[in-house]
Amino acid sequence: MGKVILEFDSIEEQDDIQSALNGYKWKLAMWDLDQLLRSTEKYDKSLVKPHGSEIATEIEYQIAERLRSEIREILSGYGLILD
């Protein structure tokens, strides 16, 4: 297994340090969001309803589908892959 060394020169770069260290957490958060939208899209479960047991409306389905597509397009623009 290879090594990766991140080097920061000063305390002013603290935000950059945190961003570098939290990259995996961001990926997990995006994955969770994608899976919630997928649930609405695939299983017709509404994420907006209080108990999540009602069928999604057509507009909720379309929004979930569109948001998943947009998320993947944005990530792709940064050279990132969610799956």
N, C-alpha and C. Protein backbone atom coordinates (compact mmCIF):
# COMPACT_ATOMS: atom_id res chain seq x y z
N MET A 1 0.85 -1.19 0.00
CA MET A 1 0.00 0.00 0.00
C MET A 1 0.89 1.24 0.00
N GLY A 2 0.54 2.20 -0.83
CA GLY A 2 1.33 3.42 -0.94
C GLY A 2 1.03 4.41 0.16
N LYS A 3 1.88 5.38 0.28
CA LYS A 3 1.71 6.45 1.26
C LYS A 3 1.35 7.74 0.55
N VAL A 4 0.53 8.53 1.23
CA VAL A 4 0.21 9.87 0.76
C VAL A 4 0.54 10.82 1.91
N ILE A 5 1.29 11.83 1.61
CA ILE A 5 1.67 12.80 2.64
C ILE A 5 1.06 14.14 2.26
N LEU A 6 0.28 14.69 3.18
CA LEU A 6 -0.29 16.02 3.00
C LEU A 6 0.53 16.99 3.83
N GLU A 7 0.97 18.04 3.21
CA GLU A 7 1.82 19.00 3.90
C GLU A 7 1.19 20.39 3.83
N PHE A 8 1.05 21.01 5.00
CA PHE A 8 0.50 22.35 5.08
C PHE A 8 1.50 23.22 5.83
N ASP A 9 1.68 24.44 5.36
CA ASP A 9 2.75 25.29 5.87
C ASP A 9 2.39 26.12 7.10
N SER A 10 1.12 26.40 7.31
CA SER A 10 0.81 27.31 8.41
C SER A 10 -0.56 27.04 9.00
N ILE A 11 -0.80 27.64 10.13
CA ILE A 11 -2.08 27.50 10.82
C ILE A 11 -3.21 28.14 10.02
N GLU A 12 -2.87 29.10 9.15
CA GLU A 12 -3.89 29.74 8.32
C GLU A 12 -4.53 28.75 7.35
N GLU A 13 -3.87 27.65 7.12
CA GLU A 13 -4.39 26.64 6.21
C GLU A 13 -5.23 25.58 6.93
N GLN A 14 -5.68 25.90 8.14
CA GLN A 14 -6.43 24.94 8.94
C GLN A 14 -7.70 24.45 8.22
N ASP A 15 -8.41 25.34 7.53
CA ASP A 15 -9.60 24.92 6.78
C ASP A 15 -9.23 23.92 5.69
N ASP A 16 -8.09 24.16 5.02
CA ASP A 16 -7.63 23.23 3.99
C ASP A 16 -7.30 21.87 4.59
N ILE A 17 -6.71 21.88 5.78
CA ILE A 17 -6.38 20.63 6.47
C ILE A 17 -7.65 19.85 6.77
N GLN A 18 -8.65 20.54 7.34
CA GLN A 18 -9.91 19.87 7.67
C GLN A 18 -10.59 19.33 6.43
N SER A 19 -10.57 20.09 5.34
CA SER A 19 -11.18 19.62 4.09
C SER A 19 -10.48 18.36 3.60
N ALA A 20 -9.17 18.35 3.67
CA ALA A 20 -8.41 17.18 3.22
C ALA A 20 -8.72 15.96 4.07
N LEU A 21 -8.84 16.17 5.36
CA LEU A 21 -9.10 15.05 6.28
C LEU A 21 -10.55 14.57 6.23
N ASN A 22 -11.47 15.44 5.86
CA ASN A 22 -12.90 15.08 5.86
C ASN A 22 -13.43 14.65 4.50
N GLY A 23 -12.58 14.48 3.52
CA GLY A 23 -13.02 14.10 2.18
C GLY A 23 -13.89 12.85 2.17
N TYR A 24 -13.50 11.84 2.91
CA TYR A 24 -14.27 10.60 2.94
C TYR A 24 -15.64 10.81 3.57
N LYS A 25 -15.72 11.67 4.59
CA LYS A 25 -17.01 11.97 5.22
C LYS A 25 -17.95 12.65 4.22
N TRP A 26 -17.39 13.53 3.38
CA TRP A 26 -18.20 14.18 2.36
C TRP A 26 -18.75 13.15 1.39
N LYS A 27 -17.91 12.20 1.01
CA LYS A 27 -18.36 11.16 0.09
C LYS A 27 -19.49 10.34 0.73
N LEU A 28 -19.34 9.99 2.00
CA LEU A 28 -20.39 9.23 2.69
C LEU A 28 -21.69 10.03 2.78
N ALA A 29 -21.58 11.31 3.04
CA ALA A 29 -22.77 12.15 3.13
C ALA A 29 -23.49 12.22 1.78
N MET A 30 -22.72 12.37 0.70
CA MET A 30 -23.32 12.40 -0.64
C MET A 30 -23.96 11.06 -0.98
N TRP A 31 -23.31 9.97 -0.58
CA TRP A 31 -23.85 8.63 -0.80
C TRP A 31 -25.20 8.49 -0.08
N ASP A 32 -25.26 8.94 1.18
CA ASP A 32 -26.51 8.86 1.95
C ASP A 32 -27.62 9.67 1.27
N LEU A 33 -27.29 10.86 0.81
CA LEU A 33 -28.26 11.70 0.11
C LEU A 33 -28.74 11.00 -1.16
N ASP A 34 -27.81 10.46 -1.93
CA ASP A 34 -28.16 9.76 -3.15
C ASP A 34 -29.09 8.57 -2.85
N GLN A 35 -28.81 7.84 -1.79
CA GLN A 35 -29.64 6.69 -1.45
C GLN A 35 -31.05 7.09 -1.01
N LEU A 36 -31.17 8.21 -0.32
CA LEU A 36 -32.50 8.72 0.04
C LEU A 36 -33.30 9.07 -1.21
N LEU A 37 -32.64 9.74 -2.15
CA LEU A 37 -33.32 10.09 -3.40
C LEU A 37 -33.65 8.83 -4.21
N ARG A 38 -32.75 7.87 -4.19
CA ARG A 38 -32.98 6.60 -4.89
C ARG A 38 -34.20 5.88 -4.32
N SER A 39 -34.35 5.95 -3.01
CA SER A 39 -35.50 5.31 -2.36
C SER A 39 -36.81 5.88 -2.88
N THR A 40 -36.86 7.19 -3.05
CA THR A 40 -38.06 7.82 -3.60
C THR A 40 -38.25 7.40 -5.05
N GLU A 41 -37.16 7.39 -5.79
CA GLU A 41 -37.21 7.08 -7.21
C GLU A 41 -37.55 5.61 -7.48
N LYS A 42 -36.92 4.72 -6.76
CA LYS A 42 -37.06 3.29 -7.05
C LYS A 42 -38.25 2.65 -6.35
N TYR A 43 -38.46 3.00 -5.10
CA TYR A 43 -39.48 2.33 -4.31
C TYR A 43 -40.74 3.16 -4.09
N ASP A 44 -40.79 4.34 -4.72
CA ASP A 44 -41.95 5.22 -4.60
C ASP A 44 -42.27 5.60 -3.16
N LYS A 45 -41.26 5.69 -2.33
CA LYS A 45 -41.47 6.14 -0.95
C LYS A 45 -41.13 7.62 -0.89
N SER A 46 -42.02 8.39 -0.35
CA SER A 46 -41.78 9.83 -0.26
C SER A 46 -40.86 10.14 0.91
N LEU A 47 -39.87 10.96 0.66
CA LEU A 47 -38.98 11.39 1.72
C LEU A 47 -39.51 12.62 2.45
N VAL A 48 -40.53 13.21 1.90
CA VAL A 48 -41.07 14.44 2.47
C VAL A 48 -42.13 14.14 3.53
N LYS A 49 -42.81 13.02 3.42
CA LYS A 49 -43.87 12.68 4.35
C LYS A 49 -43.28 12.33 5.72
N PRO A 50 -44.01 12.62 6.79
CA PRO A 50 -43.48 12.42 8.14
C PRO A 50 -43.02 10.99 8.44
N HIS A 51 -43.75 10.01 7.96
CA HIS A 51 -43.41 8.63 8.32
C HIS A 51 -42.80 7.85 7.16
N GLY A 52 -42.67 8.47 6.00
CA GLY A 52 -42.03 7.83 4.87
C GLY A 52 -42.79 6.64 4.32
N SER A 53 -44.06 6.50 4.68
CA SER A 53 -44.80 5.31 4.27
C SER A 53 -45.76 5.58 3.11
N GLU A 54 -45.92 6.84 2.77
CA GLU A 54 -46.85 7.16 1.69
C GLU A 54 -46.14 7.10 0.34
N ILE A 55 -46.90 6.85 -0.69
CA ILE A 55 -46.37 6.81 -2.05
C ILE A 55 -45.96 8.22 -2.48
N ALA A 56 -44.83 8.32 -3.14
CA ALA A 56 -44.37 9.62 -3.64
C ALA A 56 -45.29 10.11 -4.75
N THR A 57 -45.49 11.41 -4.80
CA THR A 57 -46.26 11.98 -5.90
C THR A 57 -45.38 11.98 -7.15
N GLU A 58 -45.98 12.21 -8.29
CA GLU A 58 -45.22 12.24 -9.54
C GLU A 58 -44.17 13.35 -9.50
N ILE A 59 -44.51 14.49 -8.93
CA ILE A 59 -43.54 15.59 -8.87
C ILE A 59 -42.39 15.24 -7.94
N GLU A 60 -42.66 14.56 -6.82
CA GLU A 60 -41.59 14.14 -5.91
C GLU A 60 -40.66 13.15 -6.63
N TYR A 61 -41.24 12.25 -7.37
CA TYR A 61 -40.46 11.28 -8.14
C TYR A 61 -39.56 12.01 -9.14
N GLN A 62 -40.12 12.96 -9.87
CA GLN A 62 -39.36 13.70 -10.88
C GLN A 62 -38.24 14.51 -10.23
N ILE A 63 -38.53 15.11 -9.08
CA ILE A 63 -37.51 15.90 -8.39
C ILE A 63 -36.38 14.99 -7.92
N ALA A 64 -36.71 13.85 -7.34
CA ALA A 64 -35.69 12.90 -6.88
C ALA A 64 -34.81 12.46 -8.05
N GLU A 65 -35.44 12.14 -9.16
CA GLU A 65 -34.71 11.70 -10.35
C GLU A 65 -33.78 12.80 -10.85
N ARG A 66 -34.29 14.02 -10.90
CA ARG A 66 -33.51 15.16 -11.38
C ARG A 66 -32.34 15.48 -10.45
N LEU A 67 -32.60 15.45 -9.14
CA LEU A 67 -31.54 15.75 -8.19
C LEU A 67 -30.42 14.70 -8.24
N ARG A 68 -30.78 13.43 -8.35
CA ARG A 68 -29.76 12.38 -8.47
C ARG A 68 -28.90 12.62 -9.71
N SER A 69 -29.55 12.97 -10.80
CA SER A 69 -28.83 13.23 -12.04
C SER A 69 -27.89 14.44 -11.89
N GLU A 70 -28.38 15.49 -11.28
CA GLU A 70 -27.58 16.71 -11.08
C GLU A 70 -26.39 16.44 -10.16
N ILE A 71 -26.61 15.69 -9.09
CA ILE A 71 -25.53 15.36 -8.17
C ILE A 71 -24.42 14.63 -8.92
N ARG A 72 -24.80 13.64 -9.71
CA ARG A 72 -23.81 12.85 -10.45
C ARG A 72 -23.09 13.71 -11.49
N GLU A 73 -23.80 14.63 -12.12
CA GLU A 73 -23.18 15.51 -13.10
C GLU A 73 -22.17 16.45 -12.44
N ILE A 74 -22.54 17.01 -11.30
CA ILE A 74 -21.64 17.90 -10.57
C ILE A 74 -20.39 17.15 -10.12
N LEU A 75 -20.58 15.98 -9.53
CA LEU A 75 -19.44 15.18 -9.10
C LEU A 75 -18.54 14.82 -10.27
N SER A 76 -19.14 14.47 -11.39
CA SER A 76 -18.38 14.12 -12.57
C SER A 76 -17.54 15.31 -13.05
N GLY A 77 -18.08 16.50 -12.93
CA GLY A 77 -17.35 17.72 -13.31
C GLY A 77 -16.10 17.92 -12.48
N TYR A 78 -16.09 17.37 -11.26
CA TYR A 78 -14.92 17.44 -10.40
C TYR A 78 -14.06 16.19 -10.50
N GLY A 79 -14.44 15.29 -11.42
CA GLY A 79 -13.67 14.05 -11.58
C GLY A 79 -13.93 13.06 -10.48
N LEU A 80 -15.09 13.16 -9.82
CA LEU A 80 -15.42 12.28 -8.70
C LEU A 80 -16.48 11.26 -9.12
N ILE A 81 -16.40 10.09 -8.54
CA ILE A 81 -17.37 9.03 -8.80
C ILE A 81 -18.00 8.62 -7.48
N LEU A 82 -19.31 8.57 -7.41
CA LEU A 82 -20.00 8.26 -6.18
C LEU A 82 -20.02 6.76 -5.88
N ASP A 83 -20.22 5.97 -6.90
CA ASP A 83 -20.32 4.52 -6.69
C ASP A 83 -18.98 3.85 -6.52
